PDB file of all heavy atoms in Angstrom:
ATOM      1  N   ALA A   1      95.914 111.810 106.031  1.00  0.00           N
ATOM      2  CA  ALA A   1      95.906 110.628 105.271  1.00  0.00           C
ATOM      3  C   ALA A   1      97.376 110.175 104.858  1.00  0.00           C
ATOM      4  O   ALA A   1      97.539 109.164 104.219  1.00  0.00           O
ATOM      5  CB  ALA A   1      95.056 110.777 104.017  1.00  0.00           C
ATOM      6  N   ASP A   2      98.337 111.025 105.176  1.00  0.00           N
ATOM      7  CA  ASP A   2      99.763 110.717 104.895  1.00  0.00           C
ATOM      8  C   ASP A   2     100.280 109.734 105.896  1.00  0.00           C
ATOM      9  O   ASP A   2     100.878 110.115 106.902  1.00  0.00           O
ATOM     10  CB  ASP A   2     100.624 111.998 104.778  1.00  0.00           C
ATOM     11  CG  ASP A   2     102.037 111.725 104.335  1.00  0.00           C
ATOM     12  OD1 ASP A   2     102.306 110.544 103.936  1.00  0.00           O
ATOM     13  OD2 ASP A   2     102.860 112.609 104.334  1.00  0.00           O
ATOM     14  N   LEU A   3     100.060 108.414 105.666  1.00  0.00           N
ATOM     15  CA  LEU A   3     100.365 107.411 106.706  1.00  0.00           C
ATOM     16  C   LEU A   3     101.481 106.542 106.361  1.00  0.00           C
ATOM     17  O   LEU A   3     101.563 105.432 106.806  1.00  0.00           O
ATOM     18  CB  LEU A   3      99.126 106.613 106.903  1.00  0.00           C
ATOM     19  CG  LEU A   3      97.869 107.389 107.548  1.00  0.00           C
ATOM     20  CD1 LEU A   3      96.660 106.552 107.463  1.00  0.00           C
ATOM     21  CD2 LEU A   3      98.130 107.787 108.926  1.00  0.00           C
ATOM     22  N   ARG A   4     102.487 107.072 105.629  1.00  0.00           N
ATOM     23  CA  ARG A   4     103.675 106.231 105.282  1.00  0.00           C
ATOM     24  C   ARG A   4     104.410 105.836 106.644  1.00  0.00           C
ATOM     25  O   ARG A   4     104.649 106.740 107.500  1.00  0.00           O
ATOM     26  CB  ARG A   4     104.626 107.020 104.465  1.00  0.00           C
ATOM     27  CG  ARG A   4     105.858 106.242 104.024  1.00  0.00           C
ATOM     28  CD  ARG A   4     106.825 107.071 103.251  1.00  0.00           C
ATOM     29  NE  ARG A   4     106.197 107.633 101.990  1.00  0.00           N
ATOM     30  CZ  ARG A   4     106.304 107.057 100.906  1.00  0.00           C
ATOM     31  NH1 ARG A   4     106.924 105.933 100.724  1.00  0.00           N
ATOM     32  NH2 ARG A   4     105.707 107.559  99.770  1.00  0.00           N
ATOM     33  N   GLY A   5     104.672 104.601 106.893  1.00  0.00           N
ATOM     34  CA  GLY A   5     105.210 104.133 108.091  1.00  0.00           C
ATOM     35  C   GLY A   5     104.172 103.877 109.174  1.00  0.00           C
ATOM     36  O   GLY A   5     104.519 103.718 110.344  1.00  0.00           O
ATOM     37  N   TYR A   6     102.919 103.766 108.793  1.00  0.00           N
ATOM     38  CA  TYR A   6     101.830 103.504 109.713  1.00  0.00           C
ATOM     39  C   TYR A   6     102.029 102.316 110.665  1.00  0.00           C
ATOM     40  O   TYR A   6     101.811 102.363 111.871  1.00  0.00           O
ATOM     41  CB  TYR A   6     100.561 103.401 108.944  1.00  0.00           C
ATOM     42  CG  TYR A   6      99.342 103.027 109.792  1.00  0.00           C
ATOM     43  CD1 TYR A   6      98.664 103.941 110.539  1.00  0.00           C
ATOM     44  CD2 TYR A   6      98.867 101.661 109.783  1.00  0.00           C
ATOM     45  CE1 TYR A   6      97.527 103.549 111.275  1.00  0.00           C
ATOM     46  CE2 TYR A   6      97.778 101.311 110.531  1.00  0.00           C
ATOM     47  CZ  TYR A   6      97.075 102.252 111.270  1.00  0.00           C
ATOM     48  OH  TYR A   6      96.013 101.946 112.010  1.00  0.00           O
ATOM     49  N   HIS A   7     102.551 101.198 110.104  1.00  0.00           N
ATOM     50  CA  HIS A   7     102.690  99.988 110.899  1.00  0.00           C
ATOM     51  C   HIS A   7     103.868 100.181 111.858  1.00  0.00           C
ATOM     52  O   HIS A   7     104.048  99.367 112.796  1.00  0.00           O
ATOM     53  CB  HIS A   7     102.881  98.760 109.935  1.00  0.00           C
ATOM     54  CG  HIS A   7     101.730  98.586 109.085  1.00  0.00           C
ATOM     55  ND1 HIS A   7     100.469  98.153 109.515  1.00  0.00           N
ATOM     56  CD2 HIS A   7     101.579  98.735 107.741  1.00  0.00           C
ATOM     57  CE1 HIS A   7      99.672  98.034 108.531  1.00  0.00           C
ATOM     58  NE2 HIS A   7     100.270  98.368 107.413  1.00  0.00           N
ATOM     59  N   TYR A   8     104.718 101.022 111.581  1.00  0.00           N
ATOM     60  CA  TYR A   8     106.002 101.214 112.367  1.00  0.00           C
ATOM     61  C   TYR A   8     105.813 102.220 113.502  1.00  0.00           C
ATOM     62  O   TYR A   8     106.347 102.065 114.573  1.00  0.00           O
ATOM     63  CB  TYR A   8     107.054 101.593 111.345  1.00  0.00           C
ATOM     64  CG  TYR A   8     108.434 101.832 111.959  1.00  0.00           C
ATOM     65  CD1 TYR A   8     109.253 100.780 112.408  1.00  0.00           C
ATOM     66  CD2 TYR A   8     108.933 103.133 112.070  1.00  0.00           C
ATOM     67  CE1 TYR A   8     110.518 100.980 112.971  1.00  0.00           C
ATOM     68  CE2 TYR A   8     110.210 103.354 112.629  1.00  0.00           C
ATOM     69  CZ  TYR A   8     110.953 102.279 113.083  1.00  0.00           C
ATOM     70  OH  TYR A   8     112.160 102.495 113.646  1.00  0.00           O
ATOM     71  N   HIS A   9     105.148 103.306 113.159  1.00  0.00           N
ATOM     72  CA  HIS A   9     104.978 104.471 114.087  1.00  0.00           C
ATOM     73  C   HIS A   9     103.849 104.243 115.098  1.00  0.00           C
ATOM     74  O   HIS A   9     102.954 103.414 114.836  1.00  0.00           O
ATOM     75  CB  HIS A   9     104.850 105.736 113.298  1.00  0.00           C
ATOM     76  CG  HIS A   9     106.115 106.201 112.664  1.00  0.00           C
ATOM     77  ND1 HIS A   9     107.232 106.692 113.358  1.00  0.00           N
ATOM     78  CD2 HIS A   9     106.451 106.238 111.324  1.00  0.00           C
ATOM     79  CE1 HIS A   9     108.185 106.952 112.433  1.00  0.00           C
ATOM     80  NE2 HIS A   9     107.733 106.702 111.237  1.00  0.00           N
ATOM     81  N   SER A  10     103.859 105.011 116.151  1.00  0.00           N
ATOM     82  CA  SER A  10     102.885 104.879 117.199  1.00  0.00           C
ATOM     83  C   SER A  10     102.200 106.211 117.574  1.00  0.00           C
ATOM     84  O   SER A  10     101.401 106.208 118.501  1.00  0.00           O
ATOM     85  CB  SER A  10     103.541 104.212 118.436  1.00  0.00           C
ATOM     86  OG  SER A  10     104.535 104.979 118.914  1.00  0.00           O
ATOM     87  N   GLY A  11     102.647 107.302 116.969  1.00  0.00           N
ATOM     88  CA  GLY A  11     102.087 108.611 117.309  1.00  0.00           C
ATOM     89  C   GLY A  11     102.266 109.575 116.185  1.00  0.00           C
ATOM     90  O   GLY A  11     101.903 109.325 115.069  1.00  0.00           O
ATOM     91  N   VAL A  12     102.784 110.785 116.555  1.00  0.00           N
ATOM     92  CA  VAL A  12     103.052 111.841 115.586  1.00  0.00           C
ATOM     93  C   VAL A  12     103.983 111.378 114.530  1.00  0.00           C
ATOM     94  O   VAL A  12     105.060 110.786 114.861  1.00  0.00           O
ATOM     95  CB  VAL A  12     103.477 113.145 116.266  1.00  0.00           C
ATOM     96  CG1 VAL A  12     103.842 114.218 115.207  1.00  0.00           C
ATOM     97  CG2 VAL A  12     102.390 113.666 117.175  1.00  0.00           C
ATOM     98  N   MET A  13     103.760 111.685 113.286  1.00  0.00           N
ATOM     99  CA  MET A  13     104.741 111.492 112.203  1.00  0.00           C
ATOM    100  C   MET A  13     104.901 112.771 111.417  1.00  0.00           C
ATOM    101  O   MET A  13     103.974 113.619 111.384  1.00  0.00           O
ATOM    102  CB  MET A  13     104.249 110.416 111.191  1.00  0.00           C
ATOM    103  CG  MET A  13     103.956 109.051 111.841  1.00  0.00           C
ATOM    104  SD  MET A  13     103.438 107.794 110.582  1.00  0.00           S
ATOM    105  CE  MET A  13     101.904 108.541 109.991  1.00  0.00           C
ATOM    106  N   PHE A  14     106.034 112.977 110.834  1.00  0.00           N
ATOM    107  CA  PHE A  14     106.285 114.160 109.993  1.00  0.00           C
ATOM    108  C   PHE A  14     107.117 113.844 108.813  1.00  0.00           C
ATOM    109  O   PHE A  14     107.899 112.917 108.801  1.00  0.00           O
ATOM    110  CB  PHE A  14     106.869 115.333 110.820  1.00  0.00           C
ATOM    111  CG  PHE A  14     108.306 115.073 111.228  1.00  0.00           C
ATOM    112  CD1 PHE A  14     109.407 115.366 110.422  1.00  0.00           C
ATOM    113  CD2 PHE A  14     108.554 114.629 112.539  1.00  0.00           C
ATOM    114  CE1 PHE A  14     110.660 115.152 110.826  1.00  0.00           C
ATOM    115  CE2 PHE A  14     109.892 114.406 112.962  1.00  0.00           C
ATOM    116  CZ  PHE A  14     110.939 114.726 112.103  1.00  0.00           C
ATOM    117  N   ALA A  15     107.015 114.695 107.719  1.00  0.00           N
ATOM    118  CA  ALA A  15     107.759 114.558 106.538  1.00  0.00           C
ATOM    119  C   ALA A  15     108.101 115.983 106.114  1.00  0.00           C
ATOM    120  O   ALA A  15     107.307 116.864 106.148  1.00  0.00           O
ATOM    121  CB  ALA A  15     106.975 113.821 105.438  1.00  0.00           C
ATOM    122  N   ALA A  16     109.419 116.128 105.726  1.00  0.00           N
ATOM    123  CA  ALA A  16     109.891 117.427 105.244  1.00  0.00           C
ATOM    124  C   ALA A  16     110.071 117.410 103.730  1.00  0.00           C
ATOM    125  O   ALA A  16     110.661 116.483 103.203  1.00  0.00           O
ATOM    126  CB  ALA A  16     111.194 117.802 105.926  1.00  0.00           C
ATOM    127  N   TYR A  17     109.454 118.380 103.027  1.00  0.00           N
ATOM    128  CA  TYR A  17     109.581 118.450 101.558  1.00  0.00           C
ATOM    129  C   TYR A  17     110.297 119.722 101.205  1.00  0.00           C
ATOM    130  O   TYR A  17     110.127 120.747 101.873  1.00  0.00           O
ATOM    131  CB  TYR A  17     108.168 118.389 100.927  1.00  0.00           C
ATOM    132  CG  TYR A  17     107.447 117.119 101.159  1.00  0.00           C
ATOM    133  CD1 TYR A  17     106.618 116.873 102.273  1.00  0.00           C
ATOM    134  CD2 TYR A  17     107.562 116.088 100.198  1.00  0.00           C
ATOM    135  CE1 TYR A  17     105.976 115.720 102.395  1.00  0.00           C
ATOM    136  CE2 TYR A  17     106.920 114.846 100.360  1.00  0.00           C
ATOM    137  CZ  TYR A  17     106.097 114.690 101.516  1.00  0.00           C
ATOM    138  OH  TYR A  17     105.450 113.473 101.708  1.00  0.00           O
ATOM    139  N   VAL A  18     111.082 119.661 100.110  1.00  0.00           N
ATOM    140  CA  VAL A  18     111.845 120.840  99.695  1.00  0.00           C
ATOM    141  C   VAL A  18     111.752 120.962  98.207  1.00  0.00           C
ATOM    142  O   VAL A  18     111.503 119.980  97.492  1.00  0.00           O
ATOM    143  CB  VAL A  18     113.299 120.710 100.036  1.00  0.00           C
ATOM    144  CG1 VAL A  18     113.461 120.698 101.627  1.00  0.00           C
ATOM    145  CG2 VAL A  18     113.989 119.530  99.472  1.00  0.00           C
ATOM    146  N   PRO A  19     111.890 122.160  97.631  1.00  0.00           N
ATOM    147  CA  PRO A  19     111.842 122.353  96.145  1.00  0.00           C
ATOM    148  C   PRO A  19     112.943 121.473  95.464  1.00  0.00           C
ATOM    149  O   PRO A  19     114.042 121.337  95.936  1.00  0.00           O
ATOM    150  CB  PRO A  19     112.106 123.792  95.992  1.00  0.00           C
ATOM    151  CG  PRO A  19     111.747 124.442  97.256  1.00  0.00           C
ATOM    152  CD  PRO A  19     112.067 123.485  98.283  1.00  0.00           C
ATOM    153  N   GLY A  20     112.606 120.886  94.344  1.00  0.00           N
ATOM    154  CA  GLY A  20     113.500 120.112  93.535  1.00  0.00           C
ATOM    155  C   GLY A  20     113.576 118.618  93.873  1.00  0.00           C
ATOM    156  O   GLY A  20     114.355 117.879  93.264  1.00  0.00           O
ATOM    157  N   LEU A  21     112.705 118.198  94.806  1.00  0.00           N
ATOM    158  CA  LEU A  21     112.685 116.785  95.172  1.00  0.00           C
ATOM    159  C   LEU A  21     111.267 116.338  95.313  1.00  0.00           C
ATOM    160  O   LEU A  21     110.555 116.898  96.240  1.00  0.00           O
ATOM    161  CB  LEU A  21     113.518 116.497  96.456  1.00  0.00           C
ATOM    162  CG  LEU A  21     113.773 115.079  96.870  1.00  0.00           C
ATOM    163  CD1 LEU A  21     114.735 114.443  95.830  1.00  0.00           C
ATOM    164  CD2 LEU A  21     114.419 115.025  98.212  1.00  0.00           C
ATOM    165  N   PRO A  22     110.789 115.356  94.558  1.00  0.00           N
ATOM    166  CA  PRO A  22     109.331 114.986  94.675  1.00  0.00           C
ATOM    167  C   PRO A  22     109.026 114.222  95.952  1.00  0.00           C
ATOM    168  O   PRO A  22     107.922 114.293  96.443  1.00  0.00           O
ATOM    169  CB  PRO A  22     109.144 114.081  93.454  1.00  0.00           C
ATOM    170  CG  PRO A  22     110.513 113.536  93.135  1.00  0.00           C
ATOM    171  CD  PRO A  22     111.477 114.613  93.492  1.00  0.00           C
ATOM    172  N   ASN A  23     109.968 113.553  96.503  1.00  0.00           N
ATOM    173  CA  ASN A  23     109.738 112.738  97.745  1.00  0.00           C
ATOM    174  C   ASN A  23     110.220 113.508  98.883  1.00  0.00           C
ATOM    175  O   ASN A  23     110.942 114.520  98.814  1.00  0.00           O
ATOM    176  CB  ASN A  23     110.476 111.415  97.614  1.00  0.00           C
ATOM    177  CG  ASN A  23     110.107 110.585  96.434  1.00  0.00           C
ATOM    178  OD1 ASN A  23     108.978 110.473  96.157  1.00  0.00           O
ATOM    179  ND2 ASN A  23     111.095 110.012  95.744  1.00  0.00           N
ATOM    180  N   ALA A  24     109.779 113.106 100.118  1.00  0.00           N
ATOM    181  CA  ALA A  24     110.210 113.704 101.333  1.00  0.00           C
ATOM    182  C   ALA A  24     111.741 113.640 101.481  1.00  0.00           C
ATOM    183  O   ALA A  24     112.294 112.512 101.304  1.00  0.00           O
ATOM    184  CB  ALA A  24     109.550 113.121 102.519  1.00  0.00           C
ATOM    185  N   VAL A  25     112.382 114.728 101.860  1.00  0.00           N
ATOM    186  CA  VAL A  25     113.799 114.693 102.064  1.00  0.00           C
ATOM    187  C   VAL A  25     114.166 114.181 103.495  1.00  0.00           C
ATOM    188  O   VAL A  25     115.243 113.711 103.757  1.00  0.00           O
ATOM    189  CB  VAL A  25     114.435 116.085 101.870  1.00  0.00           C
ATOM    190  CG1 VAL A  25     114.030 117.067 103.009  1.00  0.00           C
ATOM    191  CG2 VAL A  25     115.937 116.072 101.812  1.00  0.00           C
ATOM    192  N   ALA A  26     113.170 114.265 104.388  1.00  0.00           N
ATOM    193  CA  ALA A  26     113.401 113.728 105.782  1.00  0.00           C
ATOM    194  C   ALA A  26     112.031 113.233 106.298  1.00  0.00           C
ATOM    195  O   ALA A  26     110.979 113.786 105.953  1.00  0.00           O
ATOM    196  CB  ALA A  26     113.917 114.742 106.714  1.00  0.00           C
ATOM    197  N   ARG A  27     112.064 112.116 107.040  1.00  0.00           N
ATOM    198  CA  ARG A  27     110.862 111.594 107.652  1.00  0.00           C
ATOM    199  C   ARG A  27     111.182 111.177 109.115  1.00  0.00           C
ATOM    200  O   ARG A  27     112.322 110.785 109.409  1.00  0.00           O
ATOM    201  CB  ARG A  27     110.357 110.313 106.938  1.00  0.00           C
ATOM    202  CG  ARG A  27     109.701 110.650 105.638  1.00  0.00           C
ATOM    203  CD  ARG A  27     108.919 109.451 105.019  1.00  0.00           C
ATOM    204  NE  ARG A  27     108.278 109.830 103.816  1.00  0.00           N
ATOM    205  CZ  ARG A  27     107.076 110.281 103.753  1.00  0.00           C
ATOM    206  NH1 ARG A  27     106.392 110.481 104.875  1.00  0.00           N
ATOM    207  NH2 ARG A  27     106.451 110.579 102.581  1.00  0.00           N
ATOM    208  N   GLY A  28     110.151 111.368 109.994  1.00  0.00           N
ATOM    209  CA  GLY A  28     110.444 110.977 111.384  1.00  0.00           C
ATOM    210  C   GLY A  28     109.075 110.791 112.071  1.00  0.00           C
ATOM    211  O   GLY A  28     108.031 110.910 111.515  1.00  0.00           O
ATOM    212  N   GLY A  29     109.158 110.495 113.353  1.00  0.00           N
ATOM    213  CA  GLY A  29     107.930 110.304 114.175  1.00  0.00           C
ATOM    214  C   GLY A  29     108.232 109.418 115.334  1.00  0.00           C
ATOM    215  O   GLY A  29     109.366 108.981 115.623  1.00  0.00           O
ATOM    216  N   ARG A  30     107.163 109.114 116.055  1.00  0.00           N
ATOM    217  CA  ARG A  30     107.265 108.360 117.301  1.00  0.00           C
ATOM    218  C   ARG A  30     106.997 106.866 116.990  1.00  0.00           C
ATOM    219  O   ARG A  30     106.179 106.475 116.226  1.00  0.00           O
ATOM    220  CB  ARG A  30     106.188 108.866 118.301  1.00  0.00           C
ATOM    221  CG  ARG A  30     106.246 108.130 119.650  1.00  0.00           C
ATOM    222  CD  ARG A  30     105.579 108.995 120.680  1.00  0.00           C
ATOM    223  NE  ARG A  30     106.340 110.111 121.122  1.00  0.00           N
ATOM    224  CZ  ARG A  30     107.397 110.073 121.968  1.00  0.00           C
ATOM    225  NH1 ARG A  30     107.732 108.962 122.518  1.00  0.00           N
ATOM    226  NH2 ARG A  30     108.029 111.229 122.291  1.00  0.00           N
ATOM    227  N   TYR A  31     107.826 105.995 117.739  1.00  0.00           N
ATOM    228  CA  TYR A  31     107.691 104.566 117.502  1.00  0.00           C
ATOM    229  C   TYR A  31     107.975 103.829 118.850  1.00  0.00           C
ATOM    230  O   TYR A  31     109.000 103.148 119.024  1.00  0.00           O
ATOM    231  CB  TYR A  31     108.663 104.046 116.410  1.00  0.00           C
ATOM    232  CG  TYR A  31     110.104 104.421 116.663  1.00  0.00           C
ATOM    233  CD1 TYR A  31     110.977 103.489 117.134  1.00  0.00           C
ATOM    234  CD2 TYR A  31     110.587 105.664 116.299  1.00  0.00           C
ATOM    235  CE1 TYR A  31     112.316 103.750 117.311  1.00  0.00           C
ATOM    236  CE2 TYR A  31     111.937 105.962 116.484  1.00  0.00           C
ATOM    237  CZ  TYR A  31     112.830 105.054 116.959  1.00  0.00           C
ATOM    238  OH  TYR A  31     114.137 105.384 117.184  1.00  0.00           O
ATOM    239  N   ASP A  32     107.087 104.026 119.795  1.00  0.00           N
ATOM    240  CA  ASP A  32     107.275 103.554 121.182  1.00  0.00           C
ATOM    241  C   ASP A  32     107.417 102.059 121.290  1.00  0.00           C
ATOM    242  O   ASP A  32     107.999 101.562 122.330  1.00  0.00           O
ATOM    243  CB  ASP A  32     106.143 104.082 122.080  1.00  0.00           C
ATOM    244  CG  ASP A  32     106.232 105.574 122.289  1.00  0.00           C
ATOM    245  OD1 ASP A  32     107.259 106.176 121.960  1.00  0.00           O
ATOM    246  OD2 ASP A  32     105.181 106.139 122.658  1.00  0.00           O
ATOM    247  N   HIS A  33     106.865 101.277 120.430  1.00  0.00           N
ATOM    248  CA  HIS A  33     106.734  99.778 120.640  1.00  0.00           C
ATOM    249  C   HIS A  33     107.927  98.985 120.197  1.00  0.00           C
ATOM    250  O   HIS A  33     108.023  97.818 120.517  1.00  0.00           O
ATOM    251  CB  HIS A  33     105.487  99.306 119.910  1.00  0.00           C
ATOM    252  CG  HIS A  33     105.569  99.483 118.442  1.00  0.00           C
ATOM    253  ND1 HIS A  33     105.302 100.679 117.873  1.00  0.00           N
ATOM    254  CD2 HIS A  33     105.886  98.624 117.422  1.00  0.00           C
ATOM    255  CE1 HIS A  33     105.438 100.509 116.517  1.00  0.00           C
ATOM    256  NE2 HIS A  33     105.853  99.307 116.321  1.00  0.00           N
ATOM    257  N   VAL A  34     108.852  99.640 119.392  1.00  0.00           N
ATOM    258  CA  VAL A  34     109.887  98.787 118.737  1.00  0.00           C
ATOM    259  C   VAL A  34     110.824  98.110 119.740  1.00  0.00           C
ATOM    260  O   VAL A  34     111.218  96.963 119.567  1.00  0.00           O
ATOM    261  CB  VAL A  34     110.681  99.635 117.767  1.00  0.00           C
ATOM    262  CG1 VAL A  34     111.903  98.911 117.189  1.00  0.00           C
ATOM    263  CG2 VAL A  34     109.756 100.130 116.607  1.00  0.00           C
ATOM    264  N   GLY A  35     111.140  98.804 120.864  1.00  0.00           N
ATOM    265  CA  GLY A  35     112.101  98.232 121.827  1.00  0.00           C
ATOM    266  C   GLY A  35     111.559  97.005 122.543  1.00  0.00           C
ATOM    267  O   GLY A  35     112.359  96.229 123.188  1.00  0.00           O
ATOM    268  N   GLU A  36     110.295  96.711 122.427  1.00  0.00           N
ATOM    269  CA  GLU A  36     109.683  95.555 123.190  1.00  0.00           C
ATOM    270  C   GLU A  36     110.376  94.249 122.817  1.00  0.00           C
ATOM    271  O   GLU A  36     110.669  93.390 123.631  1.00  0.00           O
ATOM    272  CB  GLU A  36     108.161  95.475 122.907  1.00  0.00           C
ATOM    273  CG  GLU A  36     107.382  96.646 123.502  1.00  0.00           C
ATOM    274  CD  GLU A  36     105.961  96.510 123.149  1.00  0.00           C
ATOM    275  OE1 GLU A  36     105.540  95.480 122.534  1.00  0.00           O
ATOM    276  OE2 GLU A  36     105.182  97.495 123.424  1.00  0.00           O
ATOM    277  N   ALA A  37     110.626  94.033 121.481  1.00  0.00           N
ATOM    278  CA  ALA A  37     111.183  92.798 121.016  1.00  0.00           C
ATOM    279  C   ALA A  37     112.619  92.607 121.431  1.00  0.00           C
ATOM    280  O   ALA A  37     113.162  91.530 121.419  1.00  0.00           O
ATOM    281  CB  ALA A  37     111.118  92.713 119.502  1.00  0.00           C
ATOM    282  N   PHE A  38     113.226  93.721 121.921  1.00  0.00           N
ATOM    283  CA  PHE A  38     114.659  93.653 122.368  1.00  0.00           C
ATOM    284  C   PHE A  38     114.707  93.581 123.889  1.00  0.00           C
ATOM    285  O   PHE A  38     115.768  93.760 124.461  1.00  0.00           O
ATOM    286  CB  PHE A  38     115.478  94.860 121.855  1.00  0.00           C
ATOM    287  CG  PHE A  38     115.480  94.898 120.369  1.00  0.00           C
ATOM    288  CD1 PHE A  38     114.953  96.044 119.698  1.00  0.00           C
ATOM    289  CD2 PHE A  38     116.030  93.918 119.640  1.00  0.00           C
ATOM    290  CE1 PHE A  38     115.031  96.107 118.327  1.00  0.00           C
ATOM    291  CE2 PHE A  38     116.045  93.999 118.226  1.00  0.00           C
ATOM    292  CZ  PHE A  38     115.550  95.125 117.604  1.00  0.00           C
ATOM    293  N   GLY A  39     113.591  93.291 124.497  1.00  0.00           N
ATOM    294  CA  GLY A  39     113.500  93.168 125.973  1.00  0.00           C
ATOM    295  C   GLY A  39     113.173  94.304 126.809  1.00  0.00           C
ATOM    296  O   GLY A  39     113.096  94.182 128.049  1.00  0.00           O
TER     297      GLY A  39
END
């Protein structure tokens, strides 16, 4: 259910959490469709 970036990503997503920080310190994932608008 952790779908932050749902409209942007197209596959696997991940978030890295570390002690001392409530939010994710790193986020990433697959976004195959973005390049379409650039040709």
